[in-house]
Structures are given as C-alpha cells and as structure tokens.
N, C-alpha and C. Protein backbone atom coordinates (compact mmCIF):
# COMPACT_ATOMS: atom_id res chain seq x y z
N UNK A 1 6.30 -22.46 -6.37
CA UNK A 1 5.58 -21.62 -5.30
C UNK A 1 6.00 -20.28 -5.54
N UNK A 2 4.86 -19.47 -5.32
CA UNK A 2 4.82 -18.10 -5.35
C UNK A 2 5.53 -17.32 -4.38
N UNK A 3 6.46 -16.57 -4.60
CA UNK A 3 7.08 -15.65 -3.65
C UNK A 3 6.37 -14.56 -3.07
N UNK A 4 6.52 -14.03 -1.90
CA UNK A 4 5.81 -12.88 -1.32
C UNK A 4 5.81 -11.97 -2.27
N UNK A 5 4.66 -11.25 -2.59
CA UNK A 5 4.36 -10.17 -3.28
C UNK A 5 4.77 -8.77 -2.56
N UNK A 6 5.66 -8.09 -3.18
CA UNK A 6 6.20 -6.86 -2.60
C UNK A 6 5.46 -5.91 -3.20
N UNK A 7 4.71 -4.98 -2.28
CA UNK A 7 3.98 -3.87 -2.76
C UNK A 7 5.07 -2.57 -2.67
N UNK A 8 6.01 -2.54 -1.86
CA UNK A 8 6.96 -1.58 -1.91
C UNK A 8 8.12 -2.05 -0.96
N UNK A 9 9.18 -1.65 -1.10
CA UNK A 9 10.59 -2.29 -0.37
C UNK A 9 9.86 -2.36 1.00
N UNK A 10 10.16 -3.69 1.43
CA UNK A 10 9.78 -4.09 2.69
C UNK A 10 8.27 -4.52 3.06
N UNK A 11 7.33 -4.19 2.32
CA UNK A 11 5.96 -4.22 2.38
C UNK A 11 5.54 -5.50 1.65
N UNK A 12 5.10 -6.71 2.01
CA UNK A 12 4.89 -7.87 1.18
C UNK A 12 3.89 -8.52 1.91
N UNK A 13 3.21 -9.38 0.91
CA UNK A 13 2.32 -10.35 1.53
C UNK A 13 2.69 -11.87 1.03
N UNK A 14 2.62 -12.70 2.04
CA UNK A 14 3.35 -14.00 1.79
C UNK A 14 2.01 -14.94 1.39
N UNK A 15 1.82 -14.83 0.08
CA UNK A 15 0.68 -15.58 -0.64
C UNK A 15 0.76 -17.08 -0.39
N UNK A 16 1.91 -17.77 -0.30
CA UNK A 16 2.00 -19.20 0.12
C UNK A 16 1.29 -19.41 1.30
N UNK A 17 1.76 -18.58 2.27
CA UNK A 17 1.34 -18.77 3.62
C UNK A 17 -0.38 -18.40 3.65
N UNK A 18 -0.89 -17.43 3.03
CA UNK A 18 -2.08 -17.00 2.92
C UNK A 18 -2.88 -18.36 2.40
N UNK A 19 -2.52 -18.84 1.42
CA UNK A 19 -3.18 -20.04 0.84
C UNK A 19 -3.14 -21.23 1.83
N UNK A 20 -2.13 -21.36 2.43
CA UNK A 20 -2.15 -22.53 3.42
C UNK A 20 -3.00 -22.06 4.61
N UNK A 21 -2.76 -20.79 5.03
CA UNK A 21 -3.93 -20.53 6.29
C UNK A 21 -5.42 -20.62 5.88
N UNK A 22 -5.67 -20.70 4.48
CA UNK A 22 -7.09 -20.43 4.07
C UNK A 22 -7.46 -21.61 3.20
N UNK A 23 -6.66 -22.83 3.47
CA UNK A 23 -6.92 -24.01 2.38
C UNK A 23 -8.35 -24.45 2.59
N UNK A 24 -8.88 -24.29 3.63
CA UNK A 24 -10.26 -24.90 3.72
C UNK A 24 -11.26 -24.12 2.82
N UNK A 25 -11.01 -22.76 2.63
CA UNK A 25 -11.86 -21.92 1.82
C UNK A 25 -11.55 -21.86 0.37
N UNK A 26 -10.48 -22.66 -0.08
CA UNK A 26 -9.99 -22.48 -1.51
C UNK A 26 -10.85 -23.26 -2.36
N UNK A 27 -11.17 -22.64 -3.43
CA UNK A 27 -11.98 -23.06 -4.72
C UNK A 27 -10.84 -23.54 -5.79
N UNK A 28 -11.09 -24.49 -6.52
CA UNK A 28 -10.37 -24.83 -7.72
C UNK A 28 -11.28 -25.01 -8.91
N UNK A 29 -11.49 -23.99 -9.66
CA UNK A 29 -12.58 -24.05 -10.71
C UNK A 29 -11.85 -24.64 -11.85
N UNK A 30 -10.60 -25.02 -11.95
CA UNK A 30 -9.87 -25.67 -13.01
C UNK A 30 -8.71 -26.14 -12.53
N UNK A 31 -7.99 -27.14 -13.13
CA UNK A 31 -6.76 -27.68 -12.77
C UNK A 31 -5.75 -26.66 -12.77
N UNK A 32 -4.98 -26.46 -11.87
CA UNK A 32 -3.95 -25.52 -11.64
C UNK A 32 -4.47 -24.21 -11.37
N UNK A 33 -5.54 -24.01 -10.87
CA UNK A 33 -6.18 -22.62 -10.42
C UNK A 33 -6.64 -22.74 -9.14
N UNK A 34 -6.32 -21.83 -8.24
CA UNK A 34 -6.66 -21.56 -6.76
C UNK A 34 -7.36 -20.54 -6.87
N UNK A 35 -8.62 -20.33 -6.04
CA UNK A 35 -9.41 -19.19 -6.07
C UNK A 35 -9.69 -18.92 -4.61
N UNK A 36 -9.46 -17.81 -4.10
CA UNK A 36 -9.78 -17.44 -2.61
C UNK A 36 -10.46 -16.15 -2.66
N UNK A 37 -11.67 -16.13 -1.78
CA UNK A 37 -12.22 -14.92 -1.64
C UNK A 37 -12.21 -14.48 -0.11
N UNK A 38 -11.77 -13.59 0.03
CA UNK A 38 -11.45 -13.00 1.43
C UNK A 38 -12.27 -11.75 1.92
N UNK A 39 -12.33 -11.58 2.96
CA UNK A 39 -13.33 -10.44 3.56
C UNK A 39 -12.81 -9.07 2.96
N UNK A 40 -13.63 -8.09 2.65
CA UNK A 40 -13.20 -6.80 2.23
C UNK A 40 -13.83 -6.24 1.09
N UNK A 41 -14.46 -6.96 0.11
CA UNK A 41 -13.83 -8.24 -0.51
C UNK A 41 -12.45 -8.11 -1.20
N UNK A 42 -11.74 -9.10 -1.12
CA UNK A 42 -10.70 -9.23 -1.88
C UNK A 42 -10.50 -10.44 -2.45
N UNK A 43 -10.12 -10.72 -3.71
CA UNK A 43 -10.23 -11.95 -4.36
C UNK A 43 -8.78 -12.20 -4.80
N UNK A 44 -8.42 -13.34 -4.45
CA UNK A 44 -6.98 -13.89 -4.70
C UNK A 44 -7.03 -15.11 -5.62
N UNK A 45 -6.59 -15.02 -6.72
CA UNK A 45 -6.20 -16.22 -7.51
C UNK A 45 -4.73 -16.59 -7.94
N UNK A 46 -4.45 -18.03 -7.98
CA UNK A 46 -3.09 -18.40 -8.13
C UNK A 46 -3.29 -19.46 -9.39
N UNK A 47 -2.60 -19.10 -10.48
CA UNK A 47 -2.61 -19.97 -11.68
C UNK A 47 -1.08 -20.23 -11.96
N UNK A 48 -0.80 -21.49 -11.98
CA UNK A 48 0.44 -21.94 -12.28
C UNK A 48 1.60 -21.10 -11.47
N UNK A 49 1.62 -20.81 -10.20
CA UNK A 49 2.40 -20.32 -9.40
C UNK A 49 2.26 -18.63 -9.48
N UNK A 50 1.62 -18.14 -10.41
CA UNK A 50 1.31 -16.64 -10.53
C UNK A 50 0.06 -16.25 -9.72
N UNK A 51 0.27 -15.19 -8.81
CA UNK A 51 -0.87 -14.75 -7.98
C UNK A 51 -1.36 -13.30 -8.53
N UNK A 52 -2.57 -13.19 -8.51
CA UNK A 52 -3.11 -12.09 -8.97
C UNK A 52 -4.32 -11.79 -7.87
N UNK A 53 -4.23 -10.51 -7.10
CA UNK A 53 -5.09 -10.25 -5.83
C UNK A 53 -5.64 -8.90 -6.33
N UNK A 54 -7.02 -8.88 -6.03
CA UNK A 54 -7.82 -7.70 -6.44
C UNK A 54 -8.71 -7.30 -5.35
N UNK A 55 -8.55 -5.95 -4.90
CA UNK A 55 -9.46 -5.46 -3.93
C UNK A 55 -10.77 -5.16 -4.55
N UNK A 56 -11.91 -5.43 -4.17
CA UNK A 56 -13.07 -5.24 -4.81
C UNK A 56 -14.12 -4.53 -3.63
N UNK A 57 -13.40 -3.60 -2.77
CA UNK A 57 -14.07 -3.16 -1.87
C UNK A 57 -14.79 -1.87 -2.37
N UNK A 58 -14.40 -1.30 -3.52
CA UNK A 58 -14.90 -0.16 -4.08
C UNK A 58 -14.31 1.23 -3.39
N UNK A 59 -13.50 1.11 -2.43
CA UNK A 59 -12.99 2.27 -1.73
C UNK A 59 -11.39 2.38 -2.38
N UNK A 60 -10.90 1.34 -3.06
CA UNK A 60 -9.48 1.39 -3.51
C UNK A 60 -8.62 0.37 -2.66
N UNK A 61 -7.73 0.00 -3.53
CA UNK A 61 -6.74 -1.07 -2.99
C UNK A 61 -5.71 -0.42 -1.84
N UNK A 62 -5.82 -0.93 -0.50
CA UNK A 62 -4.86 -0.36 0.42
C UNK A 62 -3.48 -0.40 0.14
N UNK A 63 -3.07 -1.46 -0.50
CA UNK A 63 -1.47 -1.38 -1.13
C UNK A 63 -1.15 -0.38 -1.96
N UNK A 64 -2.13 0.04 -2.87
CA UNK A 64 -1.80 1.11 -3.87
C UNK A 64 -2.01 2.42 -3.11
N UNK A 65 -2.91 2.62 -2.11
CA UNK A 65 -2.91 3.75 -1.34
C UNK A 65 -1.47 3.98 -0.57
N UNK A 66 -1.09 2.86 -0.13
CA UNK A 66 0.29 3.05 0.70
C UNK A 66 1.36 3.57 -0.39
N UNK A 67 1.48 3.09 -1.63
CA UNK A 67 2.29 3.39 -2.44
C UNK A 67 2.04 4.94 -2.80
N UNK A 68 0.91 5.33 -2.90
CA UNK A 68 0.67 6.81 -3.17
C UNK A 68 1.08 7.74 -1.99
N UNK A 69 0.90 7.32 -0.93
CA UNK A 69 1.41 7.90 0.37
C UNK A 69 2.97 8.05 0.46
N UNK A 70 3.55 6.96 0.00
CA UNK A 70 4.92 7.10 -0.08
C UNK A 70 5.41 8.21 -0.93
N UNK A 71 4.82 8.27 -2.00
CA UNK A 71 5.32 9.28 -3.13
C UNK A 71 5.04 10.60 -2.49
N UNK A 72 3.74 10.94 -1.80
CA UNK A 72 3.61 12.23 -1.16
C UNK A 72 4.61 12.43 -0.12
N UNK A 73 4.82 11.58 0.72
CA UNK A 73 5.94 11.74 2.07
C UNK A 73 7.30 11.88 1.29
N UNK A 74 7.66 11.26 0.16
CA UNK A 74 8.99 11.39 -0.45
C UNK A 74 9.00 12.91 -0.81
N UNK A 75 7.97 13.33 -1.33
CA UNK A 75 8.04 14.89 -1.94
C UNK A 75 8.27 15.78 -0.80
N UNK A 76 7.32 15.45 0.28
CA UNK A 76 7.45 16.33 1.49
C UNK A 76 8.89 16.39 2.16
N UNK A 77 9.49 15.05 2.33
CA UNK A 77 10.84 15.13 2.88
C UNK A 77 11.87 15.57 2.15
N UNK A 78 11.76 15.44 0.70
CA UNK A 78 12.61 16.01 -0.23
C UNK A 78 12.76 17.45 -0.19
N UNK A 79 11.46 18.06 -0.11
CA UNK A 79 11.34 19.66 -0.35
C UNK A 79 10.53 20.16 0.86
N UNK A 80 10.87 20.02 2.13
CA UNK A 80 9.96 20.39 3.29
C UNK A 80 9.73 22.01 3.33
N UNK A 81 10.49 22.69 2.72
CA UNK A 81 10.29 24.33 2.64
C UNK A 81 9.01 24.57 1.63
N UNK A 82 8.72 23.62 0.83
CA UNK A 82 7.48 24.07 0.15
C UNK A 82 5.94 23.69 0.64
N UNK A 83 6.20 23.16 1.84
CA UNK A 83 4.99 22.84 2.50
C UNK A 83 5.00 23.42 4.09
N UNK A 84 3.66 23.74 4.26
CA UNK A 84 3.30 24.26 5.83
C UNK A 84 3.72 23.27 6.68
N UNK A 85 3.91 23.48 8.07
CA UNK A 85 4.13 22.47 9.00
C UNK A 85 2.76 21.59 9.10
N UNK A 86 1.66 22.23 8.87
CA UNK A 86 0.38 21.37 8.95
C UNK A 86 0.21 20.28 7.71
N UNK A 87 0.73 20.81 6.63
CA UNK A 87 0.78 19.83 5.48
C UNK A 87 1.86 18.76 5.71
N UNK A 88 2.88 19.01 6.19
CA UNK A 88 3.96 18.18 6.38
C UNK A 88 3.39 17.06 7.43
N UNK A 89 2.62 17.54 8.51
CA UNK A 89 2.12 16.53 9.46
C UNK A 89 1.10 15.75 9.11
N UNK A 90 0.27 16.33 8.32
CA UNK A 90 -0.90 15.54 7.77
C UNK A 90 -0.50 14.50 6.73
N UNK A 91 0.61 14.69 5.99
CA UNK A 91 1.05 13.80 5.11
C UNK A 91 1.66 12.51 5.91
N UNK A 92 2.49 13.23 6.88
CA UNK A 92 3.15 12.15 7.76
C UNK A 92 2.24 11.30 8.58
N UNK A 93 1.13 11.86 8.96
CA UNK A 93 0.05 11.05 9.75
C UNK A 93 -0.60 10.20 8.85
N UNK A 94 -0.92 10.65 7.35
CA UNK A 94 -1.68 9.67 6.50
C UNK A 94 -0.65 8.45 6.22
N UNK A 95 0.64 8.85 6.01
CA UNK A 95 1.56 7.80 5.70
C UNK A 95 1.65 6.55 6.93
N UNK A 96 1.65 7.30 8.18
CA UNK A 96 1.63 6.38 9.44
C UNK A 96 0.49 5.50 9.42
N UNK A 97 -0.48 6.09 8.92
CA UNK A 97 -1.89 5.29 9.00
C UNK A 97 -1.90 4.15 8.00
N UNK A 98 -1.40 4.52 6.81
CA UNK A 98 -1.33 3.41 5.78
C UNK A 98 -0.25 2.40 6.09
N UNK A 99 0.77 2.72 6.71
CA UNK A 99 1.82 1.64 7.04
C UNK A 99 1.22 0.58 8.11
N UNK A 100 0.48 1.37 9.10
CA UNK A 100 -0.11 0.68 10.12
C UNK A 100 -1.18 -0.48 9.62
N UNK A 101 -1.76 0.22 8.66
CA UNK A 101 -2.92 -0.70 8.10
C UNK A 101 -2.42 -1.86 7.39
N UNK A 102 -1.31 -1.61 6.60
CA UNK A 102 -0.71 -2.65 5.80
C UNK A 102 -0.08 -3.47 6.89
N UNK A 103 0.57 -3.09 7.73
CA UNK A 103 1.25 -4.08 8.81
C UNK A 103 0.31 -5.05 9.57
N UNK A 104 -0.68 -4.49 9.69
CA UNK A 104 -1.75 -5.04 10.71
C UNK A 104 -2.63 -6.11 9.81
N UNK A 105 -2.76 -5.91 8.48
CA UNK A 105 -3.52 -6.78 7.49
C UNK A 105 -2.81 -7.74 6.61
N UNK A 106 -1.39 -7.51 6.61
CA UNK A 106 -0.82 -8.35 5.70
C UNK A 106 -0.59 -9.89 6.23
N UNK A 107 -0.12 -10.57 5.43
CA UNK A 107 0.22 -12.00 5.95
C UNK A 107 1.72 -12.32 5.81
N UNK A 108 2.43 -12.63 6.88
CA UNK A 108 2.11 -12.34 8.13
C UNK A 108 2.11 -10.97 8.66
N UNK A 109 1.23 -10.53 9.93
CA UNK A 109 1.28 -9.30 10.11
C UNK A 109 2.78 -8.74 10.60
N UNK A 110 2.97 -7.57 10.56
CA UNK A 110 4.43 -7.10 10.66
C UNK A 110 4.57 -6.66 12.13
N UNK A 111 5.64 -6.83 12.69
CA UNK A 111 5.84 -6.16 14.17
C UNK A 111 5.96 -4.58 14.13
N UNK A 112 5.96 -4.03 15.18
CA UNK A 112 6.22 -2.52 15.09
C UNK A 112 7.57 -2.09 14.50
N UNK A 113 8.61 -2.84 14.85
CA UNK A 113 10.02 -2.48 14.49
C UNK A 113 10.08 -2.80 12.98
N UNK A 114 9.39 -3.93 12.34
CA UNK A 114 9.58 -4.26 11.15
C UNK A 114 8.76 -3.23 10.08
N UNK A 115 7.60 -2.92 10.79
CA UNK A 115 6.85 -1.72 9.93
C UNK A 115 7.48 -0.58 9.75
N UNK A 116 8.33 -0.02 10.93
CA UNK A 116 9.02 1.24 10.78
C UNK A 116 10.33 1.05 9.91
N UNK A 117 10.87 -0.13 10.09
CA UNK A 117 11.95 -0.35 9.26
C UNK A 117 11.54 -0.41 7.63
N UNK A 118 10.54 -1.02 7.47
CA UNK A 118 9.83 -1.08 6.06
C UNK A 118 9.34 0.34 5.39
N UNK A 119 9.03 1.01 6.43
CA UNK A 119 8.34 2.49 5.91
C UNK A 119 9.62 3.39 5.43
N UNK A 120 10.87 3.11 6.43
CA UNK A 120 11.93 4.00 5.97
C UNK A 120 12.64 3.48 4.83
N UNK A 121 12.84 2.18 4.58
CA UNK A 121 13.21 1.80 3.50
C UNK A 121 12.50 2.04 2.21
N UNK A 122 11.09 2.02 2.27
CA UNK A 122 10.35 2.32 1.02
C UNK A 122 10.34 3.84 0.85
N UNK A 123 10.46 4.67 2.01
CA UNK A 123 10.47 6.19 1.78
C UNK A 123 11.83 6.48 1.08
N UNK A 124 12.93 5.92 1.46
CA UNK A 124 14.40 6.21 0.82
C UNK A 124 14.23 5.65 -0.41
N UNK A 125 13.70 4.56 -0.93
CA UNK A 125 13.74 4.07 -2.13
C UNK A 125 12.71 5.05 -3.13
N UNK A 126 11.71 5.42 -2.64
CA UNK A 126 10.77 6.05 -3.49
C UNK A 126 11.37 7.65 -3.78
N UNK A 127 12.05 8.16 -2.68
CA UNK A 127 12.74 9.44 -2.78
C UNK A 127 13.91 9.32 -3.95
N UNK A 128 14.47 8.04 -3.90
CA UNK A 128 15.64 7.93 -4.84
C UNK A 128 15.11 7.70 -6.18
N UNK A 129 14.09 7.03 -6.30
CA UNK A 129 13.26 6.68 -7.58
C UNK A 129 12.75 8.02 -8.24
N UNK A 130 12.24 8.85 -7.26
CA UNK A 130 11.76 10.06 -7.95
C UNK A 130 12.71 11.25 -8.28
N UNK A 131 13.74 11.24 -7.49
CA UNK A 131 14.93 12.15 -7.61
C UNK A 131 14.51 13.52 -7.67
N UNK A 132 13.74 13.93 -6.91
CA UNK A 132 13.11 15.35 -6.85
C UNK A 132 14.05 16.55 -6.88
N UNK A 133 13.86 17.44 -7.45
CA UNK A 133 15.04 18.83 -7.21
C UNK A 133 14.17 19.94 -6.69
N UNK A 134 12.83 19.73 -6.51
CA UNK A 134 12.01 20.74 -5.75
C UNK A 134 11.80 21.84 -6.79
N UNK A 135 11.86 21.74 -8.08
CA UNK A 135 11.65 22.65 -8.98
C UNK A 135 10.42 22.35 -10.01
N UNK A 136 10.21 23.24 -11.13
CA UNK A 136 9.19 23.11 -11.75
C UNK A 136 8.94 21.59 -12.41
N UNK A 137 10.01 20.98 -12.78
CA UNK A 137 9.87 19.82 -13.43
C UNK A 137 9.24 18.77 -12.43
N UNK A 138 9.31 18.99 -11.11
CA UNK A 138 8.87 18.03 -10.17
C UNK A 138 7.27 18.48 -9.70
N UNK A 139 6.72 19.44 -10.55
CA UNK A 139 5.38 19.88 -10.01
C UNK A 139 4.40 18.82 -9.93
N UNK A 140 4.24 17.83 -10.71
CA UNK A 140 3.26 16.81 -10.25
C UNK A 140 3.26 16.05 -9.05
N UNK A 141 4.55 15.67 -8.54
CA UNK A 141 4.78 14.97 -7.48
C UNK A 141 4.70 15.97 -6.12
N UNK A 142 5.00 17.42 -6.44
CA UNK A 142 4.82 18.24 -5.46
C UNK A 142 3.45 18.62 -5.20
N UNK A 143 2.68 18.75 -6.17
CA UNK A 143 1.22 19.12 -6.26
C UNK A 143 0.41 17.90 -5.61
N UNK A 144 0.89 16.69 -5.82
CA UNK A 144 0.21 15.57 -5.34
C UNK A 144 0.37 15.38 -3.76
N UNK A 145 1.51 16.05 -3.34
CA UNK A 145 1.67 15.78 -1.77
C UNK A 145 0.88 17.01 -1.09
N UNK A 146 0.78 17.90 -1.69
CA UNK A 146 -0.16 19.16 -1.21
C UNK A 146 -1.53 18.55 -1.34
N UNK A 147 -1.90 17.81 -2.25
CA UNK A 147 -3.34 17.32 -2.25
C UNK A 147 -3.63 16.15 -1.27
N UNK A 148 -2.61 15.32 -0.82
CA UNK A 148 -2.73 14.56 0.11
C UNK A 148 -3.03 15.18 1.48
N UNK A 149 -2.57 16.35 1.70
CA UNK A 149 -2.87 17.07 2.99
C UNK A 149 -4.09 17.74 3.14
N UNK A 150 -4.88 17.57 1.93
CA UNK A 150 -6.18 18.14 2.00
C UNK A 150 -7.20 17.48 2.52
N UNK A 151 -8.40 18.02 3.19
CA UNK A 151 -9.47 17.34 3.87
C UNK A 151 -10.12 16.31 3.05
N UNK A 152 -10.38 16.63 1.66
CA UNK A 152 -10.97 15.66 0.95
C UNK A 152 -10.25 14.44 0.76
N UNK A 153 -8.92 14.63 0.59
CA UNK A 153 -7.97 13.41 0.44
C UNK A 153 -7.89 12.52 1.77
N UNK A 154 -8.03 13.38 2.96
CA UNK A 154 -7.85 12.79 4.36
C UNK A 154 -9.15 12.05 4.41
N UNK A 155 -10.34 12.33 4.09
CA UNK A 155 -11.35 11.64 4.09
C UNK A 155 -11.31 10.35 3.25
N UNK A 156 -10.86 10.55 1.95
CA UNK A 156 -10.76 9.29 1.11
C UNK A 156 -9.83 8.11 1.75
N UNK A 157 -8.70 8.85 2.26
CA UNK A 157 -7.81 7.72 2.73
C UNK A 157 -8.54 6.98 4.08
N UNK A 158 -9.10 7.69 4.82
CA UNK A 158 -9.89 7.24 5.92
C UNK A 158 -10.86 6.11 5.52
N UNK A 159 -11.44 6.31 4.50
CA UNK A 159 -12.41 5.18 4.04
C UNK A 159 -11.54 3.93 3.60
N UNK A 160 -10.66 4.16 2.84
CA UNK A 160 -9.60 3.12 2.10
C UNK A 160 -9.12 2.24 3.39
N UNK A 161 -8.64 2.95 4.47
CA UNK A 161 -8.22 2.29 5.63
C UNK A 161 -9.13 1.73 6.89
N UNK A 162 -10.35 2.03 6.57
CA UNK A 162 -11.32 1.78 7.56
C UNK A 162 -11.68 0.34 7.73
N UNK A 163 -11.95 -0.40 6.66
CA UNK A 163 -12.28 -1.88 6.84
C UNK A 163 -10.96 -2.60 6.69
N UNK A 164 -10.90 -3.43 7.51
CA UNK A 164 -9.56 -4.62 7.39
C UNK A 164 -9.74 -5.48 6.29
N UNK A 165 -8.73 -5.47 5.60
CA UNK A 165 -8.62 -6.44 4.29
C UNK A 165 -7.11 -6.57 3.99
N UNK A 166 -7.00 -7.52 3.22
CA UNK A 166 -5.65 -7.79 2.68
C UNK A 166 -5.13 -6.47 1.64
N UNK A 167 -4.17 -6.10 2.33
CA UNK A 167 -3.48 -4.64 1.45
C UNK A 167 -3.03 -4.82 0.21
N UNK A 168 -3.80 -5.22 -0.70
CA UNK A 168 -3.23 -5.73 -2.27
C UNK A 168 -3.16 -4.27 -2.97
N UNK A 169 -2.41 -4.33 -4.04
CA UNK A 169 -2.06 -3.17 -4.99
C UNK A 169 -3.18 -3.00 -6.01
N UNK A 170 -3.85 -4.00 -6.36
CA UNK A 170 -4.82 -3.91 -7.69
C UNK A 170 -6.25 -3.63 -7.30
N UNK A 171 -6.86 -2.77 -7.74
CA UNK A 171 -6.48 -1.85 -9.00
C UNK A 171 -5.65 -0.73 -8.38
N UNK A 172 -4.94 -0.22 -9.20
CA UNK A 172 -4.13 1.03 -8.80
C UNK A 172 -4.01 2.02 -10.03
N UNK A 173 -5.10 2.89 -9.95
CA UNK A 173 -5.13 3.69 -11.01
C UNK A 173 -3.89 4.78 -11.18
C-alpha cells in the first residue's frame, strides 16, 4: 500500500484513501496500474504501490507553491529586519492562503488546528534546512522572499489557489 505522500512536514495526501474514495472512477490500463483523473485537472497514477500525481492545470502545482511559500516565510521569519512590515505581512498572507488551500483540498481535509500545527512544523523544518544567516550567502532565499511580496507574485499565487484541486507537488520547477 502507498503511504501518504508528504509535501512538506505535516502536509500530506492519503493516496490510499483517495483511490478508495474514487474507486468508481479508476481506470486500469494495464495490470498493476491504476489511473485516476481528478478535477483541476490532476492525474494520479499508481503502479506497484508507487504513486505519481501531476497537476495539469497550467497554473502550477499547489503543493509546490506551498513549498515555495514556506521558503519565503522562513526567510522572512529568520531575517525580519531585511523586510518592510508590508512585505512581511504579504508573505504571511500568501503562506496562510497556501496552507488553507492545501488543508481544504487534501485527502482527508485538515482541521483548523491540524493545518496550523502543520504550518508551524513545516516552517520550523524549512528554517532549519535553510539555516539562513541573513547575509550575502543567503541572497537567493532572501531575494525570493522579497519577490513573493510583489504584486505580480501575489497575482500568480492567486491563480494557483483559485481553482480547488488536489494539492500535488508535481510539476515543481
């Protein structure tokens, strides 16, 4: 059986449950292969217990977007003095939007307390992984956080989180 896929600490999709819940819509094009087409569109395929889920919406995978927002929020919380209050607020708002989208569209949906707990755990894990010193060596992550607070980025994430669909991480450029 496939274990729940973890997009980021605490954020997961229970693919076994997804396949059970959508059993009537499953296609088996070959022995040992299960294929499921979900709204969004999101294509989920299971072969020999391995799951591959791909967002085909054209706007970007919502699980990938959440990972990116966690990186930006980690930079802002690690180095708050490098950002204006407006930038910090916009990054936080984007992260909350991504967390809420994931929580409402994953299988099973997450409770309010579970989503907040997952967000805090994922944010702490991302900060630890990045180990930012707020100096020049961290310029890529720090610049990325500034970019997330811009209007063009705000609009892009609004599109990503506009249409409900399974929040998978593929593709994630």
